[in-house]
C-alpha cells in the first residue's frame, strides 16, 4: 500500500513561500458529524495550514445536494456517494472521483426477527423502509436479483415506504425492515431498547450489492487547471492525514467534530460511537480508489430496477482518476 509522503504537505507550503494560502471550499454530503471527522481533524490539527490551504468546510443537510452546489460554483470539491456522483455525471454535471477515503460502506438493512425474517427469502409480504435520493439503488438491485417485486401488489412482493433519515419506522412499528448506517441509525435502534438479538442484519456489501460511499469529487473541467490540481493534491494529502489521525484517536476526533457543530444537536457519546464505526470503513484506505470497488458500484447501479429513476443507464467513462492520489501518495 502506498503511504502518505511525510514531507509532501510541508513542501507545498514552502513552495508557496509568503503567498496567501490557497482557498478550498469543501461541501459535505450531510450534517456535521463524525462521518466527516477526517476533514474537521485536518482543519483543527493544522494539517491544511501546513499544506498552505485555507479550507472552508460547509455542512450539508436534507435540503442540500452537493452535486448541485458544485455545479453552481458553490464548492471546489464535494463528498458524496458514488451513486449520486455517477447519476449527476450522466445528467451533465461532470463529476470525477479524485479520492476515496471510505474503503468499505456502512449501508445495511435491519429487520425484526419477530416479523419472521431470518433470510432474504423471508422478505416477501413485509414492509421495508428505504432511503431515496440516490440511496435506493442497492435495494432495487438486490430485489431484482432476488426476483422480488417492490410494489406491494401481492404477497410475493414487498411494500416499500420512503424512509426519513432516522430509525423511527422500525422503532414505531411502521416497517419490519429499514435502511441503516452502521455508524448511526443502527445505534438509534439499540438506544430505543431493541436488542441485537432481536435483529437480523443484512450488509449490502456482503450481499454483493455494495456502493462506494463518501468519496471526494471535483468537476472534470477544473482538472484541466494545473494550479487547481496542485491544490487538490495538497488537499487530499492533508485530508488523509486527518483521517488517519481520526482513526488512531477516535475520542479526540469526536470532540473536534463537536467543536464544529454549530447546531448543538450532537452528543459526545454518539460521536465517539460513530467515529469508532466510521474508522472501520476508512481503515485500509490510503485515499486511492480501488477499481474493483468502482466496478462493483457500477454493476449494482446498472442492475437496479428503480420505479422512479435509474441512477445510470450505461457504463460511465472518465468518472474517476488516480492522478491526484498518485501525486499525493508515495
C-alpha atoms as a PDB file:
ATOM      1  CA  UNK A   1       0.000   0.000   0.000  1.00  0.00           C
ATOM      2  CA  UNK A   2       1.181   3.478  -0.754  1.00  0.00           C
ATOM      3  CA  UNK A   3       1.767   5.787   2.194  1.00  0.00           C
ATOM      4  CA  UNK A   4       1.434   9.499   2.630  1.00  0.00           C
ATOM      5  CA  UNK A   5       4.597  11.410   1.874  1.00  0.00           C
ATOM      6  CA  UNK A   6       5.567  12.846   5.234  1.00  0.00           C
ATOM      7  CA  UNK A   7       7.021  15.964   3.731  1.00  0.00           C
ATOM      8  CA  UNK A   8       4.597  16.457   0.862  1.00  0.00           C
ATOM      9  CA  UNK A   9       2.307  18.781   2.764  1.00  0.00           C
ATOM     10  CA  UNK A  10       5.109  20.892   4.139  1.00  0.00           C
ATOM     11  CA  UNK A  11       6.751  21.016   0.707  1.00  0.00           C
ATOM     12  CA  UNK A  12       3.635  22.535  -0.797  1.00  0.00           C
ATOM     13  CA  UNK A  13       3.629  25.244   1.855  1.00  0.00           C
ATOM     14  CA  UNK A  14       7.323  26.011   1.370  1.00  0.00           C
ATOM     15  CA  UNK A  15       6.993  26.198  -2.374  1.00  0.00           C
ATOM     16  CA  UNK A  16       4.257  28.773  -1.997  1.00  0.00           C
ATOM     17  CA  UNK A  17       6.500  30.953   0.106  1.00  0.00           C
ATOM     18  CA  UNK A  18       4.836  34.018   1.520  1.00  0.00           C
ATOM     19  CA  UNK A  19       1.906  33.903  -0.876  1.00  0.00           C
ATOM     20  CA  UNK A  20      -1.581  33.790   0.598  1.00  0.00           C
ATOM     21  CA  UNK A  21      -2.898  30.313   1.342  1.00  0.00           C
ATOM     22  CA  UNK A  22      -4.893  28.737  -1.472  1.00  0.00           C
ATOM     23  CA  UNK A  23      -8.613  28.713  -0.771  1.00  0.00           C
ATOM     24  CA  UNK A  24     -10.580  25.468  -0.999  1.00  0.00           C
ATOM     25  CA  UNK A  25     -14.288  25.075  -0.280  1.00  0.00           C
ATOM     26  CA  UNK A  26     -15.467  21.587   0.675  1.00  0.00           C
ATOM     27  CA  UNK A  27     -19.194  20.801   0.605  1.00  0.00           C
ATOM     28  CA  UNK A  28     -20.170  17.831   2.780  1.00  0.00           C
ATOM     29  CA  UNK A  29     -22.952  15.372   1.983  1.00  0.00           C
ATOM     30  CA  UNK A  30     -24.604  15.629   5.388  1.00  0.00           C
ATOM     31  CA  UNK A  31     -24.625  17.498   8.684  1.00  0.00           C
ATOM     32  CA  UNK A  32     -21.590  17.971  10.915  1.00  0.00           C
ATOM     33  CA  UNK A  33     -20.818  14.573  12.430  1.00  0.00           C
ATOM     34  CA  UNK A  34     -18.017  12.022  12.703  1.00  0.00           C
ATOM     35  CA  UNK A  35     -18.861  10.729   9.226  1.00  0.00           C
ATOM     36  CA  UNK A  36     -16.636  13.640   8.113  1.00  0.00           C
ATOM     37  CA  UNK A  37     -14.193  13.639  11.014  1.00  0.00           C
ATOM     38  CA  UNK A  38     -11.077  13.486   8.843  1.00  0.00           C
ATOM     39  CA  UNK A  39     -11.733  16.906   7.354  1.00  0.00           C
ATOM     40  CA  UNK A  40     -12.535  18.553  10.666  1.00  0.00           C
ATOM     41  CA  UNK A  41      -9.450  16.966  12.232  1.00  0.00           C
ATOM     42  CA  UNK A  42      -7.276  18.180   9.336  1.00  0.00           C
ATOM     43  CA  UNK A  43      -8.577  21.700   9.941  1.00  0.00           C
ATOM     44  CA  UNK A  44      -8.280  21.606  13.730  1.00  0.00           C
ATOM     45  CA  UNK A  45      -4.829  19.993  13.843  1.00  0.00           C
ATOM     46  CA  UNK A  46      -3.364  22.407  11.289  1.00  0.00           C
ATOM     47  CA  UNK A  47      -2.830  19.865   8.513  1.00  0.00           C
ATOM     48  CA  UNK A  48      -4.499  22.161   5.984  1.00  0.00           C
ATOM     49  CA  UNK A  49      -2.495  25.133   7.232  1.00  0.00           C
ATOM     50  CA  UNK A  50       0.713  23.139   6.779  1.00  0.00           C
ATOM     51  CA  UNK A  51      -0.382  22.426   3.221  1.00  0.00           C
ATOM     52  CA  UNK A  52      -0.800  26.165   2.620  1.00  0.00           C
ATOM     53  CA  UNK A  53      -4.553  25.755   2.284  1.00  0.00           C
ATOM     54  CA  UNK A  54      -7.371  27.905   3.607  1.00  0.00           C
ATOM     55  CA  UNK A  55     -10.201  25.353   3.739  1.00  0.00           C
ATOM     56  CA  UNK A  56     -13.845  26.215   4.287  1.00  0.00           C
ATOM     57  CA  UNK A  57     -15.943  23.190   5.313  1.00  0.00           C
ATOM     58  CA  UNK A  58     -19.639  23.591   4.523  1.00  0.00           C
ATOM     59  CA  UNK A  59     -22.047  21.286   6.340  1.00  0.00           C
ATOM     60  CA  UNK A  60     -24.746  19.556   4.346  1.00  0.00           C
ATOM     61  CA  UNK A  61     -28.283  18.572   5.224  1.00  0.00           C
ATOM     62  CA  UNK A  62     -31.555  17.185   3.884  1.00  0.00           C
ATOM     63  CA  UNK A  63     -32.093  20.167   1.597  1.00  0.00           C
ATOM     64  CA  UNK A  64     -28.532  20.346   0.270  1.00  0.00           C
ATOM     65  CA  UNK A  65     -27.376  18.339  -2.748  1.00  0.00           C
ATOM     66  CA  UNK A  66     -23.572  18.583  -3.030  1.00  0.00           C
ATOM     67  CA  UNK A  67     -23.769  17.830  -6.753  1.00  0.00           C
ATOM     68  CA  UNK A  68     -25.921  20.910  -7.292  1.00  0.00           C
ATOM     69  CA  UNK A  69     -23.723  23.043  -5.058  1.00  0.00           C
ATOM     70  CA  UNK A  70     -20.546  22.311  -7.007  1.00  0.00           C
ATOM     71  CA  UNK A  71     -22.345  22.661 -10.358  1.00  0.00           C
ATOM     72  CA  UNK A  72     -23.435  26.153  -9.293  1.00  0.00           C
ATOM     73  CA  UNK A  73     -19.906  27.135  -8.273  1.00  0.00           C
ATOM     74  CA  UNK A  74     -20.524  26.921  -4.532  1.00  0.00           C
ATOM     75  CA  UNK A  75     -17.701  24.451  -3.831  1.00  0.00           C
ATOM     76  CA  UNK A  76     -14.382  23.267  -5.240  1.00  0.00           C
ATOM     77  CA  UNK A  77     -14.754  19.699  -4.007  1.00  0.00           C
ATOM     78  CA  UNK A  78     -17.588  17.685  -2.502  1.00  0.00           C
ATOM     79  CA  UNK A  79     -18.157  14.498  -0.566  1.00  0.00           C
ATOM     80  CA  UNK A  80     -20.888  12.277  -1.957  1.00  0.00           C
ATOM     81  CA  UNK A  81     -21.771   8.675  -2.626  1.00  0.00           C
ATOM     82  CA  UNK A  82     -20.736   7.304  -5.979  1.00  0.00           C
ATOM     83  CA  UNK A  83     -24.342   6.563  -6.982  1.00  0.00           C
ATOM     84  CA  UNK A  84     -25.153  10.255  -6.757  1.00  0.00           C
ATOM     85  CA  UNK A  85     -21.870  11.210  -8.402  1.00  0.00           C
ATOM     86  CA  UNK A  86     -22.341   8.907 -11.394  1.00  0.00           C
ATOM     87  CA  UNK A  87     -26.002   9.857 -11.762  1.00  0.00           C
ATOM     88  CA  UNK A  88     -25.075  13.528 -11.818  1.00  0.00           C
ATOM     89  CA  UNK A  89     -22.325  12.854 -14.359  1.00  0.00           C
ATOM     90  CA  UNK A  90     -24.717  11.086 -16.711  1.00  0.00           C
ATOM     91  CA  UNK A  91     -27.063  14.057 -16.399  1.00  0.00           C
ATOM     92  CA  UNK A  92     -24.439  16.623 -17.335  1.00  0.00           C
ATOM     93  CA  UNK A  93     -22.564  17.516 -14.140  1.00  0.00           C
ATOM     94  CA  UNK A  94     -19.034  16.350 -14.978  1.00  0.00           C
ATOM     95  CA  UNK A  95     -18.078  14.943 -11.574  1.00  0.00           C
ATOM     96  CA  UNK A  96     -14.843  12.969 -11.217  1.00  0.00           C
ATOM     97  CA  UNK A  97     -13.829  10.927  -8.185  1.00  0.00           C
ATOM     98  CA  UNK A  98     -10.328  12.069  -7.176  1.00  0.00           C
ATOM     99  CA  UNK A  99     -10.035  10.170  -3.878  1.00  0.00           C
ATOM    100  CA  UNK A 100     -11.878   7.525  -1.882  1.00  0.00           C
ATOM    101  CA  UNK A 101     -11.271   7.808   1.889  1.00  0.00           C
ATOM    102  CA  UNK A 102     -14.034   5.246   2.633  1.00  0.00           C
ATOM    103  CA  UNK A 103     -12.781   1.792   1.654  1.00  0.00           C
ATOM    104  CA  UNK A 104     -15.989  -0.010   2.633  1.00  0.00           C
ATOM    105  CA  UNK A 105     -19.611   1.010   3.092  1.00  0.00           C
ATOM    106  CA  UNK A 106     -21.862   1.177   6.122  1.00  0.00           C
ATOM    107  CA  UNK A 107     -25.246   0.842   4.416  1.00  0.00           C
ATOM    108  CA  UNK A 108     -27.277  -2.102   5.635  1.00  0.00           C
ATOM    109  CA  UNK A 109     -30.796  -3.400   6.273  1.00  0.00           C
ATOM    110  CA  UNK A 110     -32.029  -4.247   9.747  1.00  0.00           C
ATOM    111  CA  UNK A 111     -35.111  -6.409  10.239  1.00  0.00           C
ATOM    112  CA  UNK A 112     -37.065  -7.621  13.248  1.00  0.00           C
ATOM    113  CA  UNK A 113     -36.756 -11.332  13.857  1.00  0.00           C
ATOM    114  CA  UNK A 114     -40.214 -11.193  15.436  1.00  0.00           C
ATOM    115  CA  UNK A 115     -41.603 -10.394  11.978  1.00  0.00           C
ATOM    116  CA  UNK A 116     -40.446 -13.815  10.833  1.00  0.00           C
ATOM    117  CA  UNK A 117     -37.421 -12.629   8.882  1.00  0.00           C
ATOM    118  CA  UNK A 118     -34.242 -14.668   9.028  1.00  0.00           C
ATOM    119  CA  UNK A 119     -33.038 -14.524   5.419  1.00  0.00           C
ATOM    120  CA  UNK A 120     -33.771 -12.512   2.237  1.00  0.00           C
ATOM    121  CA  UNK A 121     -36.194 -15.240   1.155  1.00  0.00           C
ATOM    122  CA  UNK A 122     -38.430 -14.096   4.025  1.00  0.00           C
ATOM    123  CA  UNK A 123     -38.817 -10.511   2.716  1.00  0.00           C
ATOM    124  CA  UNK A 124     -41.997 -11.042   0.634  1.00  0.00           C
ATOM    125  CA  UNK A 125     -45.136  -9.912   2.423  1.00  0.00           C
ATOM    126  CA  UNK A 126     -43.275  -7.423   4.598  1.00  0.00           C
ATOM    127  CA  UNK A 127     -42.909  -3.653   4.682  1.00  0.00           C
ATOM    128  CA  UNK A 128     -39.413  -2.261   4.135  1.00  0.00           C
ATOM    129  CA  UNK A 129     -38.185   1.249   4.775  1.00  0.00           C
ATOM    130  CA  UNK A 130     -35.887   2.505   2.023  1.00  0.00           C
ATOM    131  CA  UNK A 131     -33.874   5.701   1.768  1.00  0.00           C
ATOM    132  CA  UNK A 132     -34.216   7.508  -1.534  1.00  0.00           C
ATOM    133  CA  UNK A 133     -32.303  10.459  -3.066  1.00  0.00           C
ATOM    134  CA  UNK A 134     -29.718   8.067  -4.528  1.00  0.00           C
ATOM    135  CA  UNK A 135     -29.583   5.625  -1.623  1.00  0.00           C
ATOM    136  CA  UNK A 136     -32.288   3.343  -3.015  1.00  0.00           C
ATOM    137  CA  UNK A 137     -30.261   1.803  -5.846  1.00  0.00           C
ATOM    138  CA  UNK A 138     -28.606  -1.063  -3.915  1.00  0.00           C
ATOM    139  CA  UNK A 139     -32.027  -2.045  -2.586  1.00  0.00           C
ATOM    140  CA  UNK A 140     -33.610  -2.224  -6.039  1.00  0.00           C
ATOM    141  CA  UNK A 141     -30.611  -4.078  -7.456  1.00  0.00           C
ATOM    142  CA  UNK A 142     -30.854  -6.614  -4.645  1.00  0.00           C
ATOM    143  CA  UNK A 143     -34.613  -7.091  -5.032  1.00  0.00           C
ATOM    144  CA  UNK A 144     -34.212  -7.525  -8.804  1.00  0.00           C
ATOM    145  CA  UNK A 145     -31.601 -10.241  -8.238  1.00  0.00           C
ATOM    146  CA  UNK A 146     -33.931 -11.983  -5.774  1.00  0.00           C
ATOM    147  CA  UNK A 147     -36.874 -11.689  -8.145  1.00  0.00           C
ATOM    148  CA  UNK A 148     -38.938  -9.857  -5.526  1.00  0.00           C
ATOM    149  CA  UNK A 149     -41.481  -7.269  -6.679  1.00  0.00           C
ATOM    150  CA  UNK A 150     -41.368  -3.936  -4.869  1.00  0.00           C
ATOM    151  CA  UNK A 151     -44.837  -2.551  -5.470  1.00  0.00           C
ATOM    152  CA  UNK A 152     -46.540  -4.439  -2.642  1.00  0.00           C
ATOM    153  CA  UNK A 153     -49.200  -5.634  -5.048  1.00  0.00           C
ATOM    154  CA  UNK A 154     -49.212  -9.230  -3.837  1.00  0.00           C
ATOM    155  CA  UNK A 155     -47.834 -11.445  -1.116  1.00  0.00           C
ATOM    156  CA  UNK A 156     -44.853 -12.384  -3.261  1.00  0.00           C
ATOM    157  CA  UNK A 157     -43.521  -8.831  -3.131  1.00  0.00           C
ATOM    158  CA  UNK A 158     -42.580  -6.223  -0.551  1.00  0.00           C
ATOM    159  CA  UNK A 159     -44.185  -2.910   0.306  1.00  0.00           C
ATOM    160  CA  UNK A 160     -41.692  -0.046   0.176  1.00  0.00           C
ATOM    161  CA  UNK A 161     -42.074   3.074   2.293  1.00  0.00           C
ATOM    162  CA  UNK A 162     -39.894   6.105   1.774  1.00  0.00           C
ATOM    163  CA  UNK A 163     -37.912   6.287   4.976  1.00  0.00           C
ATOM    164  CA  UNK A 164     -36.730   9.522   6.522  1.00  0.00           C
ATOM    165  CA  UNK A 165     -33.130   9.582   7.689  1.00  0.00           C
ATOM    166  CA  UNK A 166     -33.916   8.043  11.057  1.00  0.00           C
ATOM    167  CA  UNK A 167     -34.729   4.636  12.566  1.00  0.00           C
ATOM    168  CA  UNK A 168     -38.284   5.631  13.504  1.00  0.00           C
ATOM    169  CA  UNK A 169     -40.185   3.244  11.168  1.00  0.00           C
ATOM    170  CA  UNK A 170     -38.859   0.121  12.892  1.00  0.00           C
ATOM    171  CA  UNK A 171     -38.965   1.673  16.355  1.00  0.00           C
ATOM    172  CA  UNK A 172     -42.560   2.806  15.902  1.00  0.00           C
ATOM    173  CA  UNK A 173     -43.713  -0.418  14.226  1.00  0.00           C
ATOM    174  CA  UNK A 174     -44.293   1.082  10.779  1.00  0.00           C
ATOM    175  CA  UNK A 175     -41.884  -1.281   8.997  1.00  0.00           C
ATOM    176  CA  UNK A 176     -40.411  -4.732   9.533  1.00  0.00           C
ATOM    177  CA  UNK A 177     -37.086  -3.741   7.939  1.00  0.00           C
ATOM    178  CA  UNK A 178     -35.359  -0.401   7.489  1.00  0.00           C
ATOM    179  CA  UNK A 179     -32.233   1.116   5.992  1.00  0.00           C
ATOM    180  CA  UNK A 180     -29.497   1.942   8.489  1.00  0.00           C
ATOM    181  CA  UNK A 181     -25.892   3.029   8.573  1.00  0.00           C
ATOM    182  CA  UNK A 182     -23.603   1.039  10.833  1.00  0.00           C
ATOM    183  CA  UNK A 183     -22.415   4.261  12.424  1.00  0.00           C
ATOM    184  CA  UNK A 184     -25.741   5.987  13.014  1.00  0.00           C
ATOM    185  CA  UNK A 185     -29.270   4.591  12.715  1.00  0.00           C
ATOM    186  CA  UNK A 186     -28.281   1.118  13.917  1.00  0.00           C
ATOM    187  CA  UNK A 187     -27.273   2.678  17.229  1.00  0.00           C
ATOM    188  CA  UNK A 188     -30.595   4.539  17.314  1.00  0.00           C
ATOM    189  CA  UNK A 189     -32.409   1.192  17.181  1.00  0.00           C
ATOM    190  CA  UNK A 190     -30.356  -0.150  20.070  1.00  0.00           C
ATOM    191  CA  UNK A 191     -30.845   3.041  22.070  1.00  0.00           C
ATOM    192  CA  UNK A 192     -34.616   2.608  21.638  1.00  0.00           C
ATOM    193  CA  UNK A 193     -34.443  -0.666  23.544  1.00  0.00           C
ATOM    194  CA  UNK A 194     -34.419  -3.151  20.666  1.00  0.00           C
ATOM    195  CA  UNK A 195     -31.536  -5.548  21.285  1.00  0.00           C
ATOM    196  CA  UNK A 196     -29.079  -7.047  18.822  1.00  0.00           C
ATOM    197  CA  UNK A 197     -30.609 -10.477  19.481  1.00  0.00           C
ATOM    198  CA  UNK A 198     -33.959  -9.160  18.239  1.00  0.00           C
ATOM    199  CA  UNK A 199     -32.482  -8.021  14.922  1.00  0.00           C
ATOM    200  CA  UNK A 200     -31.158  -9.619  11.778  1.00  0.00           C
ATOM    201  CA  UNK A 201     -28.704  -7.577   9.730  1.00  0.00           C
ATOM    202  CA  UNK A 202     -28.008  -7.686   6.006  1.00  0.00           C
ATOM    203  CA  UNK A 203     -24.992  -5.743   4.754  1.00  0.00           C
ATOM    204  CA  UNK A 204     -25.188  -4.668   1.122  1.00  0.00           C
ATOM    205  CA  UNK A 205     -21.507  -5.348   0.511  1.00  0.00           C
ATOM    206  CA  UNK A 206     -21.807  -8.880   1.843  1.00  0.00           C
ATOM    207  CA  UNK A 207     -24.891  -9.433  -0.299  1.00  0.00           C
ATOM    208  CA  UNK A 208     -22.922  -8.324  -3.366  1.00  0.00           C
ATOM    209  CA  UNK A 209     -24.684  -5.008  -3.939  1.00  0.00           C
ATOM    210  CA  UNK A 210     -22.334  -2.526  -2.319  1.00  0.00           C
ATOM    211  CA  UNK A 211     -21.780   1.050  -3.401  1.00  0.00           C
ATOM    212  CA  UNK A 212     -18.831   3.287  -2.727  1.00  0.00           C
ATOM    213  CA  UNK A 213     -19.708   5.922  -0.155  1.00  0.00           C
ATOM    214  CA  UNK A 214     -18.192   9.274   0.793  1.00  0.00           C
ATOM    215  CA  UNK A 215     -15.689   9.882  -1.968  1.00  0.00           C
ATOM    216  CA  UNK A 216     -14.180  13.230  -2.972  1.00  0.00           C
ATOM    217  CA  UNK A 217     -15.398  14.662  -6.278  1.00  0.00           C
ATOM    218  CA  UNK A 218     -14.490  17.673  -8.403  1.00  0.00           C
ATOM    219  CA  UNK A 219     -15.590  18.951 -11.819  1.00  0.00           C
ATOM    220  CA  UNK A 220     -13.705  17.446 -14.738  1.00  0.00           C
ATOM    221  CA  UNK A 221     -13.073  20.825 -16.338  1.00  0.00           C
ATOM    222  CA  UNK A 222     -11.314  22.048 -13.186  1.00  0.00           C
ATOM    223  CA  UNK A 223      -8.768  19.239 -13.516  1.00  0.00           C
ATOM    224  CA  UNK A 224      -7.511  20.902 -16.709  1.00  0.00           C
ATOM    225  CA  UNK A 225      -6.104  23.659 -14.481  1.00  0.00           C
ATOM    226  CA  UNK A 226      -2.649  22.745 -13.141  1.00  0.00           C
ATOM    227  CA  UNK A 227      -2.984  25.151 -10.206  1.00  0.00           C
ATOM    228  CA  UNK A 228      -6.283  23.526  -9.224  1.00  0.00           C
ATOM    229  CA  UNK A 229      -4.770  20.050  -9.450  1.00  0.00           C
ATOM    230  CA  UNK A 230      -1.909  21.166  -7.212  1.00  0.00           C
ATOM    231  CA  UNK A 231      -4.431  22.404  -4.640  1.00  0.00           C
ATOM    232  CA  UNK A 232      -6.285  19.103  -4.753  1.00  0.00           C
ATOM    233  CA  UNK A 233      -3.078  17.095  -4.321  1.00  0.00           C
ATOM    234  CA  UNK A 234      -2.332  19.020  -1.147  1.00  0.00           C
ATOM    235  CA  UNK A 235      -5.958  18.883  -0.030  1.00  0.00           C
ATOM    236  CA  UNK A 236      -6.175  15.099  -0.427  1.00  0.00           C
ATOM    237  CA  UNK A 237      -2.830  14.529   1.315  1.00  0.00           C
ATOM    238  CA  UNK A 238      -3.817  16.710   4.274  1.00  0.00           C
ATOM    239  CA  UNK A 239      -7.328  15.218   4.426  1.00  0.00           C
ATOM    240  CA  UNK A 240      -5.975  11.672   4.528  1.00  0.00           C
ATOM    241  CA  UNK A 241      -3.601  12.741   7.276  1.00  0.00           C
ATOM    242  CA  UNK A 242      -6.695  13.926   9.119  1.00  0.00           C
ATOM    243  CA  UNK A 243      -8.487  10.633   8.532  1.00  0.00           C
ATOM    244  CA  UNK A 244      -5.604   8.524   9.786  1.00  0.00           C
ATOM    245  CA  UNK A 245      -5.288  10.723  12.870  1.00  0.00           C
ATOM    246  CA  UNK A 246      -9.025  10.333  13.490  1.00  0.00           C
ATOM    247  CA  UNK A 247      -8.768   6.548  13.166  1.00  0.00           C
ATOM    248  CA  UNK A 248      -5.965   6.458  15.733  1.00  0.00           C
ATOM    249  CA  UNK A 249      -7.579   8.979  18.103  1.00  0.00           C
ATOM    250  CA  UNK A 250     -11.361   8.419  17.911  1.00  0.00           C
ATOM    251  CA  UNK A 251     -12.320  10.190  21.135  1.00  0.00           C
ATOM    252  CA  UNK A 252     -10.282  13.297  20.305  1.00  0.00           C
ATOM    253  CA  UNK A 253     -11.703  13.253  16.785  1.00  0.00           C
ATOM    254  CA  UNK A 254     -15.248  13.107  18.190  1.00  0.00           C
ATOM    255  CA  UNK A 255     -14.508  16.085  20.431  1.00  0.00           C
ATOM    256  CA  UNK A 256     -13.175  18.033  17.438  1.00  0.00           C
ATOM    257  CA  UNK A 257     -16.342  17.282  15.467  1.00  0.00           C
ATOM    258  CA  UNK A 258     -18.452  18.674  18.319  1.00  0.00           C
ATOM    259  CA  UNK A 259     -16.418  21.885  18.261  1.00  0.00           C
ATOM    260  CA  UNK A 260     -17.524  22.413  14.658  1.00  0.00           C
ATOM    261  CA  UNK A 261     -21.179  21.524  15.272  1.00  0.00           C
ATOM    262  CA  UNK A 262     -22.969  24.864  15.408  1.00  0.00           C
ATOM    263  CA  UNK A 263     -26.381  23.242  15.914  1.00  0.00           C
ATOM    264  CA  UNK A 264     -25.569  21.650  19.270  1.00  0.00           C
ATOM    265  CA  UNK A 265     -27.599  18.640  18.121  1.00  0.00           C
ATOM    266  CA  UNK A 266     -24.818  16.085  18.561  1.00  0.00           C
ATOM    267  CA  UNK A 267     -23.678  14.391  21.765  1.00  0.00           C
ATOM    268  CA  UNK A 268     -20.147  13.319  22.608  1.00  0.00           C
ATOM    269  CA  UNK A 269     -21.285   9.772  23.385  1.00  0.00           C
ATOM    270  CA  UNK A 270     -22.899   9.317  19.984  1.00  0.00           C
ATOM    271  CA  UNK A 271     -19.999  10.923  18.119  1.00  0.00           C
ATOM    272  CA  UNK A 272     -17.495   8.639  19.852  1.00  0.00           C
ATOM    273  CA  UNK A 273     -19.602   5.648  18.823  1.00  0.00           C
ATOM    274  CA  UNK A 274     -19.910   6.997  15.286  1.00  0.00           C
ATOM    275  CA  UNK A 275     -16.197   7.669  14.990  1.00  0.00           C
ATOM    276  CA  UNK A 276     -15.411   4.122  16.095  1.00  0.00           C
ATOM    277  CA  UNK A 277     -17.681   2.699  13.411  1.00  0.00           C
ATOM    278  CA  UNK A 278     -16.557   5.128  10.697  1.00  0.00           C
ATOM    279  CA  UNK A 279     -12.940   4.192  11.430  1.00  0.00           C
ATOM    280  CA  UNK A 280     -13.801   0.635  10.368  1.00  0.00           C
ATOM    281  CA  UNK A 281     -14.900   1.992   6.979  1.00  0.00           C
ATOM    282  CA  UNK A 282     -11.861   4.193   6.342  1.00  0.00           C
ATOM    283  CA  UNK A 283      -9.373   1.613   7.638  1.00  0.00           C
ATOM    284  CA  UNK A 284      -7.270   0.185   4.833  1.00  0.00           C
ATOM    285  CA  UNK A 285      -7.765   3.180   2.552  1.00  0.00           C
ATOM    286  CA  UNK A 286      -4.866   5.419   1.609  1.00  0.00           C
ATOM    287  CA  UNK A 287      -7.238   7.602  -0.370  1.00  0.00           C
ATOM    288  CA  UNK A 288      -6.833   5.919  -3.749  1.00  0.00           C
ATOM    289  CA  UNK A 289      -9.964   4.429  -5.303  1.00  0.00           C
ATOM    290  CA  UNK A 290      -9.871   0.645  -5.837  1.00  0.00           C
ATOM    291  CA  UNK A 291     -11.031  -0.031  -9.418  1.00  0.00           C
ATOM    292  CA  UNK A 292     -12.659  -3.302  -8.307  1.00  0.00           C
ATOM    293  CA  UNK A 293     -14.829  -1.389  -5.820  1.00  0.00           C
ATOM    294  CA  UNK A 294     -15.742   1.040  -8.580  1.00  0.00           C
ATOM    295  CA  UNK A 295     -16.769  -1.811 -10.879  1.00  0.00           C
ATOM    296  CA  UNK A 296     -18.990  -3.327  -8.167  1.00  0.00           C
ATOM    297  CA  UNK A 297     -20.708   0.026  -7.693  1.00  0.00           C
ATOM    298  CA  UNK A 298     -21.333   0.391 -11.425  1.00  0.00           C
ATOM    299  CA  UNK A 299     -22.666  -3.178 -11.659  1.00  0.00           C
ATOM    300  CA  UNK A 300     -25.030  -2.514  -8.755  1.00  0.00           C
ATOM    301  CA  UNK A 301     -26.333   0.683 -10.307  1.00  0.00           C
ATOM    302  CA  UNK A 302     -26.845  -0.841 -13.750  1.00  0.00           C
ATOM    303  CA  UNK A 303     -28.805  -3.763 -12.294  1.00  0.00           C
ATOM    304  CA  UNK A 304     -31.058  -1.598 -10.112  1.00  0.00           C
ATOM    305  CA  UNK A 305     -34.627  -1.590 -11.363  1.00  0.00           C
ATOM    306  CA  UNK A 306     -35.865   1.634  -9.804  1.00  0.00           C
ATOM    307  CA  UNK A 307     -39.502   2.532 -10.453  1.00  0.00           C
ATOM    308  CA  UNK A 308     -38.764   6.239 -10.188  1.00  0.00           C
ATOM    309  CA  UNK A 309     -35.443   6.990 -11.811  1.00  0.00           C
ATOM    310  CA  UNK A 310     -32.433   4.856 -12.777  1.00  0.00           C
ATOM    311  CA  UNK A 311     -29.116   6.046 -11.424  1.00  0.00           C
ATOM    312  CA  UNK A 312     -27.269   5.354 -14.677  1.00  0.00           C
ATOM    313  CA  UNK A 313     -28.231   3.736 -17.962  1.00  0.00           C
ATOM    314  CA  UNK A 314     -24.777   2.999 -19.390  1.00  0.00           C
ATOM    315  CA  UNK A 315     -21.194   2.379 -18.381  1.00  0.00           C
ATOM    316  CA  UNK A 316     -19.633   5.692 -17.275  1.00  0.00           C
ATOM    317  CA  UNK A 317     -16.462   6.986 -18.895  1.00  0.00           C
ATOM    318  CA  UNK A 318     -13.844   9.149 -17.204  1.00  0.00           C
ATOM    319  CA  UNK A 319     -15.663   9.095 -13.864  1.00  0.00           C
ATOM    320  CA  UNK A 320     -12.560   8.624 -11.708  1.00  0.00           C
ATOM    321  CA  UNK A 321      -8.850   9.301 -11.750  1.00  0.00           C
ATOM    322  CA  UNK A 322      -5.761   8.291  -9.792  1.00  0.00           C
ATOM    323  CA  UNK A 323      -3.903  11.403 -10.945  1.00  0.00           C
ATOM    324  CA  UNK A 324      -4.471  13.303  -7.680  1.00  0.00           C
ATOM    325  CA  UNK A 325      -3.818  10.426  -5.282  1.00  0.00           C
ATOM    326  CA  UNK A 326      -0.768   9.286  -7.260  1.00  0.00           C
ATOM    327  CA  UNK A 327       0.749  12.714  -6.707  1.00  0.00           C
ATOM    328  CA  UNK A 328      -0.384  12.896  -3.071  1.00  0.00           C
ATOM    329  CA  UNK A 329       0.908   9.424  -2.147  1.00  0.00           C
ATOM    330  CA  UNK A 330       4.345   7.839  -2.262  1.00  0.00           C
END
